[in-house]
N, C-alpha and C. Protein backbone atom coordinates (compact mmCIF):
# COMPACT_ATOMS: atom_id res chain seq x y z
N MET A 1 78.15 103.16 38.49
CA MET A 1 78.75 102.15 39.35
C MET A 1 79.73 102.78 40.34
N ILE A 2 80.54 103.72 39.84
CA ILE A 2 81.51 104.38 40.70
C ILE A 2 80.79 105.15 41.80
N GLY A 3 79.68 105.81 41.42
CA GLY A 3 78.90 106.56 42.40
C GLY A 3 78.32 105.66 43.48
N VAL A 4 77.80 104.50 43.06
CA VAL A 4 77.24 103.54 44.01
C VAL A 4 78.30 103.05 44.98
N LEU A 5 79.47 102.71 44.42
CA LEU A 5 80.57 102.24 45.26
C LEU A 5 81.02 103.32 46.24
N ALA A 6 81.02 104.56 45.78
CA ALA A 6 81.41 105.67 46.66
C ALA A 6 80.42 105.81 47.82
N ILE A 7 79.13 105.69 47.50
CA ILE A 7 78.11 105.79 48.55
C ILE A 7 78.24 104.65 49.55
N ILE A 8 78.48 103.43 49.03
CA ILE A 8 78.67 102.27 49.91
C ILE A 8 79.87 102.48 50.83
N GLY A 9 80.96 103.03 50.25
CA GLY A 9 82.15 103.29 51.05
C GLY A 9 81.90 104.30 52.16
N ILE A 10 81.13 105.35 51.84
CA ILE A 10 80.80 106.37 52.84
C ILE A 10 79.95 105.77 53.96
N LEU A 11 78.94 104.98 53.56
CA LEU A 11 78.07 104.35 54.56
C LEU A 11 78.86 103.41 55.45
N ALA A 12 79.77 102.65 54.83
CA ALA A 12 80.58 101.71 55.61
C ALA A 12 81.45 102.44 56.62
N SER A 13 82.02 103.60 56.22
CA SER A 13 82.88 104.35 57.13
C SER A 13 82.10 104.93 58.30
N VAL A 14 80.80 105.20 58.07
CA VAL A 14 79.96 105.75 59.13
C VAL A 14 79.40 104.65 60.03
N VAL A 15 78.95 103.55 59.41
CA VAL A 15 78.27 102.49 60.14
C VAL A 15 79.23 101.58 60.89
N ALA A 16 80.37 101.26 60.28
CA ALA A 16 81.30 100.28 60.87
C ALA A 16 81.71 100.61 62.30
N PRO A 17 82.11 101.87 62.60
CA PRO A 17 82.49 102.17 63.99
C PRO A 17 81.34 101.93 64.98
N LYS A 18 80.11 102.25 64.56
CA LYS A 18 78.96 102.05 65.43
C LYS A 18 78.70 100.57 65.68
N VAL A 19 78.94 99.76 64.63
CA VAL A 19 78.78 98.32 64.78
C VAL A 19 79.78 97.77 65.78
N PHE A 20 81.04 98.21 65.67
CA PHE A 20 82.07 97.75 66.60
C PHE A 20 81.77 98.22 68.02
N ASP A 21 81.27 99.45 68.15
CA ASP A 21 80.89 99.96 69.48
C ASP A 21 79.79 99.10 70.09
N ALA A 22 78.80 98.74 69.27
CA ALA A 22 77.68 97.92 69.76
C ALA A 22 78.16 96.54 70.18
N ILE A 23 79.08 95.96 69.41
CA ILE A 23 79.62 94.65 69.75
C ILE A 23 80.38 94.72 71.07
N ARG A 24 81.21 95.76 71.23
CA ARG A 24 81.98 95.91 72.46
C ARG A 24 81.06 96.14 73.65
N ASP A 25 80.02 96.95 73.49
CA ASP A 25 79.08 97.20 74.58
C ASP A 25 78.39 95.90 75.01
N ALA A 26 78.04 95.07 74.02
CA ALA A 26 77.38 93.79 74.33
C ALA A 26 78.33 92.89 75.11
N LYS A 27 79.61 92.89 74.75
CA LYS A 27 80.59 92.07 75.46
C LYS A 27 80.78 92.55 76.90
N ILE A 28 80.80 93.87 77.08
CA ILE A 28 80.96 94.43 78.42
C ILE A 28 79.74 94.09 79.29
N THR A 29 78.56 94.18 78.69
CA THR A 29 77.34 93.79 79.41
C THR A 29 77.40 92.32 79.79
N GLY A 30 77.93 91.49 78.89
CA GLY A 30 78.09 90.06 79.19
C GLY A 30 79.05 89.82 80.33
N ALA A 31 80.14 90.60 80.39
CA ALA A 31 81.10 90.45 81.49
C ALA A 31 80.47 90.83 82.82
N ALA A 32 79.65 91.88 82.83
CA ALA A 32 78.95 92.27 84.05
C ALA A 32 77.98 91.19 84.50
N ALA A 33 77.34 90.53 83.53
CA ALA A 33 76.41 89.44 83.85
C ALA A 33 77.16 88.26 84.47
N VAL A 34 78.35 87.97 83.96
CA VAL A 34 79.17 86.90 84.54
C VAL A 34 79.51 87.23 85.99
N ASN A 35 79.86 88.50 86.24
CA ASN A 35 80.19 88.91 87.61
C ASN A 35 78.99 88.73 88.54
N ASN A 36 77.80 89.00 88.03
CA ASN A 36 76.59 88.80 88.84
C ASN A 36 76.36 87.31 89.14
N ALA A 37 76.66 86.46 88.16
CA ALA A 37 76.54 85.02 88.39
C ALA A 37 77.54 84.55 89.45
N ILE A 38 78.73 85.14 89.44
CA ILE A 38 79.74 84.80 90.44
C ILE A 38 79.28 85.24 91.83
N LYS A 39 78.64 86.40 91.90
CA LYS A 39 78.11 86.87 93.18
C LYS A 39 77.08 85.88 93.73
N SER A 40 76.21 85.38 92.87
CA SER A 40 75.20 84.42 93.31
C SER A 40 75.85 83.13 93.80
N ALA A 41 76.87 82.66 93.07
CA ALA A 41 77.58 81.44 93.49
C ALA A 41 78.29 81.65 94.82
N THR A 42 78.82 82.85 95.03
CA THR A 42 79.51 83.17 96.28
C THR A 42 78.54 83.17 97.46
N VAL A 43 77.34 83.70 97.24
CA VAL A 43 76.31 83.67 98.28
C VAL A 43 75.98 82.22 98.65
N ASP A 44 75.86 81.36 97.64
CA ASP A 44 75.58 79.94 97.90
C ASP A 44 76.70 79.30 98.71
N TYR A 45 77.95 79.64 98.36
CA TYR A 45 79.09 79.08 99.09
C TYR A 45 79.09 79.56 100.54
N ALA A 46 78.87 80.87 100.73
CA ALA A 46 78.88 81.43 102.09
C ALA A 46 77.75 80.86 102.93
N ARG A 47 76.61 80.61 102.29
CA ARG A 47 75.47 80.03 103.01
C ARG A 47 75.80 78.61 103.49
N LYS A 48 76.58 77.88 102.68
CA LYS A 48 76.90 76.50 103.01
C LYS A 48 78.07 76.39 103.98
N TYR A 49 79.13 77.21 103.77
CA TYR A 49 80.36 77.05 104.55
C TYR A 49 80.60 78.18 105.56
N ARG A 50 79.86 79.29 105.43
CA ARG A 50 79.90 80.40 106.39
C ARG A 50 81.16 81.23 106.34
N ILE A 51 82.11 80.90 105.50
CA ILE A 51 83.35 81.66 105.42
C ILE A 51 83.90 81.57 104.00
N LEU A 52 84.51 82.66 103.54
CA LEU A 52 85.12 82.66 102.21
C LEU A 52 86.57 82.21 102.34
N PRO A 53 87.00 81.24 101.52
CA PRO A 53 88.37 80.72 101.65
C PRO A 53 89.40 81.59 100.93
N ILE A 54 90.42 82.00 101.67
CA ILE A 54 91.52 82.74 101.06
C ILE A 54 92.22 81.84 100.04
N ASP A 55 92.62 82.39 98.91
CA ASP A 55 93.32 81.61 97.88
C ASP A 55 94.52 80.88 98.49
N GLY A 56 94.66 79.61 98.14
CA GLY A 56 95.77 78.81 98.63
C GLY A 56 95.54 78.18 99.99
N SER A 57 94.34 78.41 100.58
CA SER A 57 94.09 77.89 101.92
C SER A 57 93.40 76.53 101.93
N ARG A 58 92.88 76.09 100.78
CA ARG A 58 92.22 74.79 100.72
C ARG A 58 92.33 74.21 99.32
N LEU A 59 92.13 72.91 99.25
CA LEU A 59 92.11 72.23 97.96
C LEU A 59 90.73 72.36 97.32
N PRO A 60 90.65 72.25 96.01
CA PRO A 60 89.33 72.18 95.37
C PRO A 60 88.65 70.86 95.74
N ALA A 61 87.35 70.80 95.54
CA ALA A 61 86.60 69.58 95.84
C ALA A 61 86.98 68.48 94.86
N GLY A 62 86.90 67.24 95.31
CA GLY A 62 87.22 66.11 94.43
C GLY A 62 88.71 65.81 94.41
N THR A 63 89.07 64.86 93.57
CA THR A 63 90.46 64.44 93.44
C THR A 63 91.03 64.86 92.10
N ASN A 64 92.23 65.46 92.12
CA ASN A 64 92.90 65.89 90.89
C ASN A 64 92.01 66.79 90.04
N PHE A 65 91.42 67.81 90.68
CA PHE A 65 90.58 68.75 89.94
C PHE A 65 91.42 69.49 88.90
N THR A 66 90.96 69.45 87.67
CA THR A 66 91.66 70.14 86.57
C THR A 66 90.94 71.42 86.24
N ARG A 67 91.67 72.52 86.21
CA ARG A 67 91.09 73.83 85.91
C ARG A 67 90.44 73.79 84.53
N THR A 68 89.19 74.22 84.44
CA THR A 68 88.44 74.15 83.19
C THR A 68 88.56 75.43 82.36
N TYR A 69 89.46 76.28 82.74
CA TYR A 69 89.68 77.54 82.02
C TYR A 69 91.17 77.86 82.12
N GLY A 70 91.61 78.87 81.39
CA GLY A 70 93.00 79.29 81.50
C GLY A 70 93.99 78.20 81.16
N ASP A 71 94.91 77.89 82.09
CA ASP A 71 95.99 76.96 81.79
C ASP A 71 95.57 75.49 81.80
N GLY A 72 94.36 75.18 82.28
CA GLY A 72 93.89 73.79 82.27
C GLY A 72 94.70 72.87 83.14
N ALA A 73 95.34 73.42 84.18
CA ALA A 73 96.25 72.62 85.03
C ALA A 73 95.50 71.87 86.12
N VAL A 74 96.13 70.79 86.60
CA VAL A 74 95.64 70.12 87.80
C VAL A 74 95.95 71.05 88.97
N VAL A 75 94.94 71.38 89.77
CA VAL A 75 95.07 72.44 90.77
C VAL A 75 95.57 71.89 92.10
N THR A 76 96.73 72.37 92.54
CA THR A 76 97.25 72.06 93.87
C THR A 76 96.75 73.11 94.85
N GLN A 77 96.93 72.86 96.13
CA GLN A 77 96.40 73.79 97.13
C GLN A 77 97.03 75.17 97.00
N THR A 78 98.35 75.24 96.80
CA THR A 78 99.01 76.54 96.74
C THR A 78 98.55 77.38 95.55
N LYS A 79 98.02 76.71 94.52
CA LYS A 79 97.57 77.44 93.33
C LYS A 79 96.04 77.48 93.21
N CYS A 80 95.36 77.08 94.27
CA CYS A 80 93.90 77.01 94.22
C CYS A 80 93.29 78.38 94.49
N THR A 81 92.52 78.89 93.55
CA THR A 81 91.83 80.16 93.72
C THR A 81 90.39 79.92 94.17
N PHE A 82 89.73 80.98 94.57
CA PHE A 82 88.33 80.87 94.97
C PHE A 82 87.48 80.40 93.79
N GLY A 83 87.85 80.81 92.59
CA GLY A 83 87.13 80.35 91.41
C GLY A 83 87.22 78.85 91.22
N ASP A 84 88.40 78.28 91.48
CA ASP A 84 88.57 76.83 91.39
C ASP A 84 87.67 76.12 92.40
N VAL A 85 87.55 76.71 93.58
CA VAL A 85 86.70 76.12 94.62
C VAL A 85 85.24 76.14 94.18
N LEU A 86 84.77 77.29 93.69
CA LEU A 86 83.37 77.41 93.27
C LEU A 86 83.03 76.42 92.16
N ILE A 87 83.93 76.29 91.18
CA ILE A 87 83.67 75.40 90.05
C ILE A 87 83.73 73.94 90.49
N SER A 88 84.73 73.60 91.30
CA SER A 88 84.86 72.21 91.74
C SER A 88 83.70 71.79 92.65
N GLU A 89 83.13 72.76 93.36
CA GLU A 89 81.98 72.48 94.24
C GLU A 89 80.67 72.41 93.45
N GLY A 90 80.71 72.77 92.17
CA GLY A 90 79.51 72.76 91.35
C GLY A 90 78.62 73.97 91.55
N MET A 91 79.14 75.00 92.22
CA MET A 91 78.35 76.20 92.47
C MET A 91 78.44 77.21 91.33
N LEU A 92 79.47 77.04 90.50
CA LEU A 92 79.63 77.86 89.30
C LEU A 92 79.98 76.91 88.16
N GLU A 93 79.25 77.04 87.06
CA GLU A 93 79.44 76.09 85.97
C GLU A 93 80.76 76.26 85.26
N LYS A 94 81.13 77.52 84.96
CA LYS A 94 82.36 77.78 84.22
C LYS A 94 82.79 79.22 84.44
N LEU A 95 83.97 79.55 83.97
CA LEU A 95 84.46 80.92 84.03
C LEU A 95 84.94 81.32 82.64
N THR A 96 84.06 81.94 81.89
CA THR A 96 84.37 82.41 80.55
C THR A 96 83.85 83.82 80.40
N LEU A 97 84.72 84.74 79.96
CA LEU A 97 84.31 86.13 79.80
C LEU A 97 84.46 86.56 78.34
N PRO A 98 83.58 87.45 77.88
CA PRO A 98 83.64 87.90 76.48
C PRO A 98 84.66 89.00 76.23
N ILE A 99 85.32 89.49 77.28
CA ILE A 99 86.37 90.50 77.10
C ILE A 99 87.64 90.01 77.77
N GLY A 100 88.77 90.57 77.34
CA GLY A 100 90.06 90.15 77.87
C GLY A 100 90.52 88.86 77.24
N PRO A 101 91.78 88.49 77.44
CA PRO A 101 92.33 87.27 76.86
C PRO A 101 91.87 86.03 77.61
N SER A 102 91.78 84.91 76.89
CA SER A 102 91.47 83.64 77.56
C SER A 102 92.74 83.09 78.20
N GLY A 103 93.89 83.27 77.56
CA GLY A 103 95.18 82.96 78.15
C GLY A 103 95.44 81.49 78.40
N SER A 104 96.71 81.17 78.67
CA SER A 104 97.10 79.79 78.97
C SER A 104 98.34 79.71 79.85
N ASN A 105 98.86 80.85 80.32
CA ASN A 105 100.04 80.83 81.18
C ASN A 105 99.71 80.18 82.53
N SER A 106 100.63 79.39 83.04
CA SER A 106 100.41 78.73 84.33
C SER A 106 100.44 79.75 85.45
N LEU A 107 99.53 79.59 86.42
CA LEU A 107 99.52 80.44 87.60
C LEU A 107 100.76 80.11 88.42
N SER A 108 101.49 81.14 88.83
CA SER A 108 102.72 80.92 89.59
C SER A 108 102.42 80.30 90.94
N SER A 109 103.46 79.83 91.60
CA SER A 109 103.28 79.15 92.88
C SER A 109 102.69 80.09 93.93
N THR A 110 102.97 81.38 93.79
CA THR A 110 102.34 82.35 94.66
C THR A 110 101.09 82.87 93.96
N THR A 111 99.98 82.85 94.64
CA THR A 111 98.72 83.26 94.02
C THR A 111 98.71 84.77 93.80
N VAL A 112 97.71 85.23 93.09
CA VAL A 112 97.54 86.66 92.85
C VAL A 112 97.45 87.39 94.19
N THR A 113 98.11 88.53 94.30
CA THR A 113 98.09 89.27 95.56
C THR A 113 97.55 90.68 95.36
N VAL A 114 96.76 91.10 96.34
CA VAL A 114 96.24 92.47 96.39
C VAL A 114 96.65 93.03 97.73
N SER A 115 97.30 94.17 97.73
CA SER A 115 97.77 94.75 98.99
C SER A 115 97.53 96.26 99.00
N GLY A 116 97.75 96.86 100.16
CA GLY A 116 97.53 98.29 100.29
C GLY A 116 96.09 98.61 100.64
N THR A 117 95.83 99.88 100.87
CA THR A 117 94.49 100.34 101.21
C THR A 117 93.75 100.79 99.96
N GLY A 118 92.49 101.16 100.16
CA GLY A 118 91.71 101.62 99.04
C GLY A 118 92.25 102.89 98.41
N ALA A 119 93.03 103.65 99.17
CA ALA A 119 93.60 104.88 98.64
C ALA A 119 94.78 104.60 97.71
N ALA A 120 95.48 103.49 97.95
CA ALA A 120 96.65 103.17 97.13
C ALA A 120 96.84 101.66 97.04
N PRO A 121 95.93 100.94 96.39
CA PRO A 121 96.06 99.49 96.30
C PRO A 121 97.08 99.07 95.24
N THR A 122 97.66 97.90 95.43
CA THR A 122 98.55 97.34 94.43
C THR A 122 98.07 95.93 94.08
N LEU A 123 98.26 95.57 92.83
CA LEU A 123 97.82 94.26 92.33
C LEU A 123 99.00 93.58 91.66
N ASN A 124 99.30 92.36 92.07
CA ASN A 124 100.37 91.59 91.45
C ASN A 124 99.79 90.30 90.90
N ILE A 125 99.80 90.16 89.57
CA ILE A 125 99.24 88.95 88.95
C ILE A 125 100.30 88.09 88.28
N GLY A 126 101.57 88.50 88.40
CA GLY A 126 102.63 87.73 87.76
C GLY A 126 102.42 87.67 86.26
N THR A 127 102.44 86.47 85.69
CA THR A 127 102.24 86.30 84.25
C THR A 127 100.83 85.83 83.91
N LEU A 128 99.93 85.89 84.88
CA LEU A 128 98.57 85.42 84.65
C LEU A 128 97.94 86.17 83.48
N ASP A 129 97.37 85.42 82.54
CA ASP A 129 96.78 86.05 81.34
C ASP A 129 95.38 85.53 81.06
N TYR A 130 94.66 85.12 82.10
CA TYR A 130 93.27 84.69 81.94
C TYR A 130 92.48 85.13 83.18
N PRO A 131 91.16 85.25 83.07
CA PRO A 131 90.36 85.68 84.21
C PRO A 131 90.44 84.71 85.38
N ALA A 132 90.29 85.23 86.58
CA ALA A 132 90.31 84.39 87.78
C ALA A 132 89.44 85.03 88.85
N ILE A 133 88.81 84.18 89.66
CA ILE A 133 88.06 84.67 90.82
C ILE A 133 88.96 84.45 92.03
N ILE A 134 89.29 85.52 92.72
CA ILE A 134 90.26 85.43 93.81
C ILE A 134 89.61 85.85 95.13
N CYS A 135 90.22 85.40 96.23
CA CYS A 135 89.77 85.79 97.57
C CYS A 135 91.01 86.06 98.41
N PHE A 136 91.05 87.21 99.04
CA PHE A 136 92.28 87.64 99.72
C PHE A 136 91.93 88.42 100.98
N THR A 137 92.91 88.55 101.86
CA THR A 137 92.73 89.32 103.08
C THR A 137 92.75 90.80 102.78
N ASN A 138 91.77 91.53 103.30
CA ASN A 138 91.75 92.99 103.18
C ASN A 138 91.01 93.55 104.39
N THR A 139 91.77 94.06 105.34
CA THR A 139 91.19 94.58 106.58
C THR A 139 90.91 96.07 106.42
N ALA A 140 89.65 96.43 106.46
CA ALA A 140 89.25 97.82 106.30
C ALA A 140 88.51 98.29 107.55
N THR A 141 89.08 99.24 108.24
CA THR A 141 88.47 99.75 109.47
C THR A 141 87.89 101.15 109.29
N SER A 142 88.03 101.70 108.08
CA SER A 142 87.50 103.03 107.81
C SER A 142 87.17 103.15 106.33
N ASP A 143 86.50 104.23 105.97
CA ASP A 143 86.16 104.45 104.56
C ASP A 143 87.42 104.64 103.71
N THR A 144 88.49 105.12 104.32
CA THR A 144 89.74 105.30 103.58
C THR A 144 90.40 103.96 103.28
N ASP A 145 90.31 103.03 104.23
CA ASP A 145 90.97 101.73 104.09
C ASP A 145 90.27 100.80 103.10
N LYS A 146 88.97 100.90 102.99
CA LYS A 146 88.22 99.93 102.19
C LYS A 146 88.71 99.91 100.75
N LEU A 147 88.77 98.71 100.19
CA LEU A 147 89.29 98.55 98.84
C LEU A 147 88.26 98.99 97.81
N PHE A 148 87.05 98.47 97.94
CA PHE A 148 85.94 98.83 97.06
C PHE A 148 84.94 99.70 97.83
N THR A 149 84.13 100.43 97.12
CA THR A 149 83.09 101.22 97.77
C THR A 149 82.18 100.33 98.60
N ALA A 150 81.91 99.12 98.12
CA ALA A 150 80.99 98.21 98.81
C ALA A 150 81.64 97.39 99.91
N SER A 151 82.96 97.45 100.06
CA SER A 151 83.63 96.53 100.99
C SER A 151 84.03 97.17 102.31
N ALA A 152 83.16 98.00 102.85
CA ALA A 152 83.44 98.61 104.14
C ALA A 152 83.50 97.55 105.24
N ASN A 153 84.41 97.75 106.20
CA ASN A 153 84.56 96.86 107.36
C ASN A 153 84.88 95.42 106.96
N SER A 154 85.66 95.26 105.92
CA SER A 154 85.99 93.92 105.43
C SER A 154 87.15 93.31 106.20
N ILE A 155 87.17 91.98 106.21
CA ILE A 155 88.31 91.21 106.69
C ILE A 155 88.94 90.48 105.51
N ARG A 156 88.06 89.92 104.66
CA ARG A 156 88.52 89.30 103.42
C ARG A 156 87.56 89.68 102.31
N VAL A 157 88.09 89.68 101.09
CA VAL A 157 87.32 90.15 99.93
C VAL A 157 87.45 89.17 98.78
N ALA A 158 86.35 88.92 98.10
CA ALA A 158 86.37 88.12 96.86
C ALA A 158 86.17 89.07 95.69
N ALA A 159 86.89 88.81 94.60
CA ALA A 159 86.82 89.70 93.44
C ALA A 159 87.09 88.92 92.16
N LEU A 160 86.59 89.45 91.05
CA LEU A 160 86.84 88.89 89.73
C LEU A 160 87.96 89.67 89.07
N LEU A 161 89.04 88.99 88.72
CA LEU A 161 90.17 89.61 88.04
C LEU A 161 90.05 89.38 86.54
N ILE A 162 90.12 90.47 85.77
CA ILE A 162 90.13 90.37 84.30
C ILE A 162 91.39 91.08 83.80
N PRO A 163 92.39 90.34 83.34
CA PRO A 163 93.64 90.97 82.91
C PRO A 163 93.61 91.35 81.43
N GLY A 164 94.57 92.20 81.04
CA GLY A 164 94.82 92.47 79.63
C GLY A 164 93.71 93.14 78.86
N LEU A 165 93.00 94.09 79.48
CA LEU A 165 91.93 94.79 78.77
C LEU A 165 92.50 95.94 77.94
N THR A 166 91.86 96.24 76.83
CA THR A 166 92.21 97.42 76.06
C THR A 166 91.67 98.66 76.76
N THR A 167 92.09 99.82 76.30
CA THR A 167 91.60 101.08 76.89
C THR A 167 90.09 101.18 76.79
N LEU A 168 89.53 100.85 75.62
CA LEU A 168 88.09 100.95 75.42
C LEU A 168 87.34 99.92 76.26
N GLU A 169 87.89 98.71 76.40
CA GLU A 169 87.24 97.70 77.23
C GLU A 169 87.27 98.11 78.70
N ALA A 170 88.43 98.60 79.16
CA ALA A 170 88.57 99.01 80.56
C ALA A 170 87.64 100.18 80.88
N ALA A 171 87.60 101.17 79.99
CA ALA A 171 86.74 102.33 80.21
C ALA A 171 85.26 101.93 80.18
N GLY A 172 84.91 101.06 79.25
CA GLY A 172 83.52 100.61 79.15
C GLY A 172 83.09 99.83 80.37
N LEU A 173 83.96 98.96 80.87
CA LEU A 173 83.64 98.15 82.05
C LEU A 173 83.52 99.03 83.29
N LYS A 174 84.46 99.96 83.45
CA LYS A 174 84.42 100.88 84.58
C LYS A 174 83.14 101.71 84.57
N THR A 175 82.75 102.19 83.40
CA THR A 175 81.54 102.99 83.27
C THR A 175 80.30 102.14 83.53
N LYS A 176 80.32 100.89 83.06
CA LYS A 176 79.19 99.98 83.27
C LYS A 176 78.97 99.70 84.74
N ILE A 177 80.05 99.49 85.49
CA ILE A 177 79.94 99.12 86.90
C ILE A 177 79.73 100.35 87.79
N ASP A 178 80.49 101.41 87.55
CA ASP A 178 80.50 102.56 88.46
C ASP A 178 79.92 103.84 87.89
N GLY A 179 79.65 103.89 86.58
CA GLY A 179 79.15 105.10 85.95
C GLY A 179 77.65 105.18 85.98
N PRO A 180 77.08 106.07 85.15
CA PRO A 180 77.81 106.97 84.24
C PRO A 180 78.46 108.12 85.00
N PHE A 181 79.54 108.67 84.41
CA PHE A 181 80.24 109.79 84.99
C PHE A 181 79.77 111.08 84.32
N ASN A 182 80.00 112.20 84.97
CA ASN A 182 79.50 113.45 84.40
C ASN A 182 80.41 113.96 83.28
N GLU A 183 80.07 115.11 82.77
CA GLU A 183 80.74 115.63 81.57
C GLU A 183 82.19 116.03 81.80
N SER A 184 82.66 116.02 83.06
CA SER A 184 84.06 116.36 83.32
C SER A 184 85.00 115.28 82.79
N VAL A 185 84.48 114.07 82.56
CA VAL A 185 85.26 112.99 81.97
C VAL A 185 84.79 112.82 80.53
N LYS A 186 85.63 113.14 79.58
CA LYS A 186 85.17 113.27 78.20
C LYS A 186 85.58 112.13 77.28
N SER A 187 86.49 111.27 77.70
CA SER A 187 86.96 110.23 76.79
C SER A 187 87.28 108.96 77.56
N ALA A 188 87.44 107.86 76.81
CA ALA A 188 87.79 106.57 77.42
C ALA A 188 89.13 106.68 78.14
N PHE A 189 90.09 107.35 77.53
CA PHE A 189 91.40 107.48 78.17
C PHE A 189 91.31 108.23 79.48
N GLU A 190 90.47 109.28 79.54
CA GLU A 190 90.34 110.05 80.78
C GLU A 190 89.71 109.21 81.89
N VAL A 191 88.75 108.36 81.54
CA VAL A 191 88.16 107.45 82.53
C VAL A 191 89.21 106.52 83.09
N VAL A 192 89.96 105.87 82.19
CA VAL A 192 90.97 104.90 82.61
C VAL A 192 92.09 105.58 83.39
N ASN A 193 92.54 106.72 82.92
CA ASN A 193 93.64 107.42 83.58
C ASN A 193 93.26 107.85 84.99
N ALA A 194 92.04 108.37 85.15
CA ALA A 194 91.58 108.78 86.48
C ALA A 194 91.45 107.59 87.41
N ALA A 195 90.97 106.45 86.88
CA ALA A 195 90.79 105.25 87.70
C ALA A 195 92.13 104.65 88.11
N VAL A 196 93.10 104.65 87.20
CA VAL A 196 94.41 104.04 87.49
C VAL A 196 95.24 104.92 88.42
N THR A 197 95.25 106.23 88.16
CA THR A 197 96.10 107.14 88.94
C THR A 197 95.42 107.63 90.21
N LYS A 198 94.13 107.29 90.38
CA LYS A 198 93.36 107.71 91.56
C LYS A 198 93.23 109.23 91.65
N THR A 199 93.12 109.86 90.51
CA THR A 199 92.95 111.31 90.48
C THR A 199 91.70 111.68 89.70
N SER A 200 91.05 112.72 90.14
CA SER A 200 89.88 113.24 89.45
C SER A 200 89.72 114.71 89.78
N THR A 201 89.38 115.51 88.78
CA THR A 201 89.21 116.94 89.00
C THR A 201 87.82 117.26 89.53
N SER A 202 86.95 116.28 89.56
CA SER A 202 85.57 116.52 89.97
C SER A 202 85.26 115.84 91.30
N PRO A 203 85.05 116.59 92.38
CA PRO A 203 84.72 115.99 93.67
C PRO A 203 83.46 115.13 93.61
N ALA A 204 82.54 115.47 92.72
CA ALA A 204 81.27 114.75 92.64
C ALA A 204 81.43 113.31 92.20
N ILE A 205 82.50 113.00 91.45
CA ILE A 205 82.68 111.63 90.95
C ILE A 205 83.95 110.98 91.48
N ARG A 206 84.61 111.63 92.44
CA ARG A 206 85.91 111.13 92.90
C ARG A 206 85.81 109.71 93.48
N GLU A 207 84.82 109.45 94.31
CA GLU A 207 84.67 108.12 94.92
C GLU A 207 84.40 107.06 93.87
N SER A 208 83.49 107.32 92.96
CA SER A 208 83.10 106.30 91.99
C SER A 208 84.17 106.04 90.94
N ILE A 209 84.91 107.06 90.55
CA ILE A 209 85.88 106.85 89.47
C ILE A 209 87.26 106.42 89.99
N THR A 210 87.64 106.85 91.19
CA THR A 210 88.95 106.45 91.72
C THR A 210 88.87 105.20 92.59
N ARG A 211 87.65 104.83 93.00
CA ARG A 211 87.47 103.60 93.75
C ARG A 211 86.30 102.83 93.16
N GLY A 212 85.08 103.03 93.64
CA GLY A 212 83.93 102.32 93.10
C GLY A 212 84.02 100.82 93.36
N ASN A 213 83.39 100.04 92.49
CA ASN A 213 83.42 98.58 92.62
C ASN A 213 84.09 97.92 91.43
N CYS A 214 84.80 98.71 90.64
CA CYS A 214 85.64 98.22 89.55
C CYS A 214 86.94 98.99 89.60
N LEU A 215 88.01 98.32 90.02
CA LEU A 215 89.32 98.95 90.11
C LEU A 215 90.13 98.64 88.86
N LEU A 216 90.87 99.63 88.39
CA LEU A 216 91.71 99.44 87.21
C LEU A 216 93.18 99.63 87.57
N PHE A 217 94.03 98.78 87.00
CA PHE A 217 95.47 98.84 87.21
C PHE A 217 96.18 98.72 85.87
N SER A 218 97.31 99.36 85.73
CA SER A 218 98.11 99.20 84.52
C SER A 218 98.65 97.79 84.45
N ASN A 219 98.64 97.20 83.25
CA ASN A 219 99.19 95.88 83.03
C ASN A 219 100.64 96.04 82.60
N SER A 220 101.54 95.29 83.23
CA SER A 220 102.97 95.44 82.94
C SER A 220 103.31 95.09 81.50
N THR A 221 102.48 94.25 80.87
CA THR A 221 102.73 93.86 79.48
C THR A 221 102.03 94.80 78.52
N SER A 222 100.73 94.94 78.65
CA SER A 222 99.97 95.85 77.80
C SER A 222 98.57 96.00 78.36
N GLY A 223 97.96 97.15 78.11
CA GLY A 223 96.58 97.36 78.51
C GLY A 223 96.41 97.52 80.01
N TYR A 224 95.27 97.02 80.51
CA TYR A 224 94.90 97.24 81.91
C TYR A 224 94.30 95.98 82.52
N ASN A 225 94.46 95.87 83.84
CA ASN A 225 93.83 94.80 84.60
C ASN A 225 92.65 95.38 85.38
N ALA A 226 91.54 94.65 85.40
CA ALA A 226 90.37 95.10 86.15
C ALA A 226 90.11 94.14 87.30
N LEU A 227 89.70 94.71 88.43
CA LEU A 227 89.33 93.92 89.61
C LEU A 227 87.92 94.33 89.99
N LEU A 228 86.97 93.40 89.87
CA LEU A 228 85.56 93.69 90.14
C LEU A 228 85.13 93.11 91.48
N TYR A 229 84.45 93.90 92.25
CA TYR A 229 83.95 93.47 93.56
C TYR A 229 82.95 92.34 93.40
N VAL A 230 83.10 91.30 94.23
CA VAL A 230 82.14 90.18 94.27
C VAL A 230 81.45 90.14 95.63
N ALA A 231 82.24 90.05 96.72
CA ALA A 231 81.66 89.96 98.06
C ALA A 231 82.74 90.22 99.09
N HIS A 232 82.33 90.42 100.34
CA HIS A 232 83.31 90.55 101.42
C HIS A 232 82.69 90.08 102.72
N GLU A 233 83.54 89.85 103.69
CA GLU A 233 83.05 89.51 105.03
C GLU A 233 83.98 90.12 106.06
């Protein structure tokens, strides 16, 4: 009996980490699929209205639209995100991601802000602790200025914000969107550190890991915030 239990314990110690890795990989794949659904909804919106609305520039459709995710608040114009517009218009059914916190903190009166160039962007989310689809001004007149690899010559950019990711979640998402990276990046921490600090020892992967279409930022509370490219105009 002791021998059997010992064998079971050994198998559990070997198999359990792989099971958790598989679960995390499936969640990251699910998050990427959600981002693709948001891209499709954004195309539908642009086809109908011809312009992407900057956060806080318009009310959601209908009267007293209540956010169906996060804080569940009645959305005023100053707190209206692009995600609220897509959902209220019926172009996106919901906003639920398998990674990151679901959160419930109220969005502050000033919406999420993204500033700076692609070489040194800054992200301010206040106390936001749930995913959001945002749209903001980003004027890029050169490859250096562009925020994402895909957002060359942009005036405004739409992106999916996922706050509060763990190191493994952030590294997995970055690798899923912009990878795989070569052997010069050997661990999850090295992926995240290179993406956050905008440094890389390998010229071959510098663009994809320090910019790409998934940007990583340190979270003031814990973990990391991810900003995924959706569309630009």
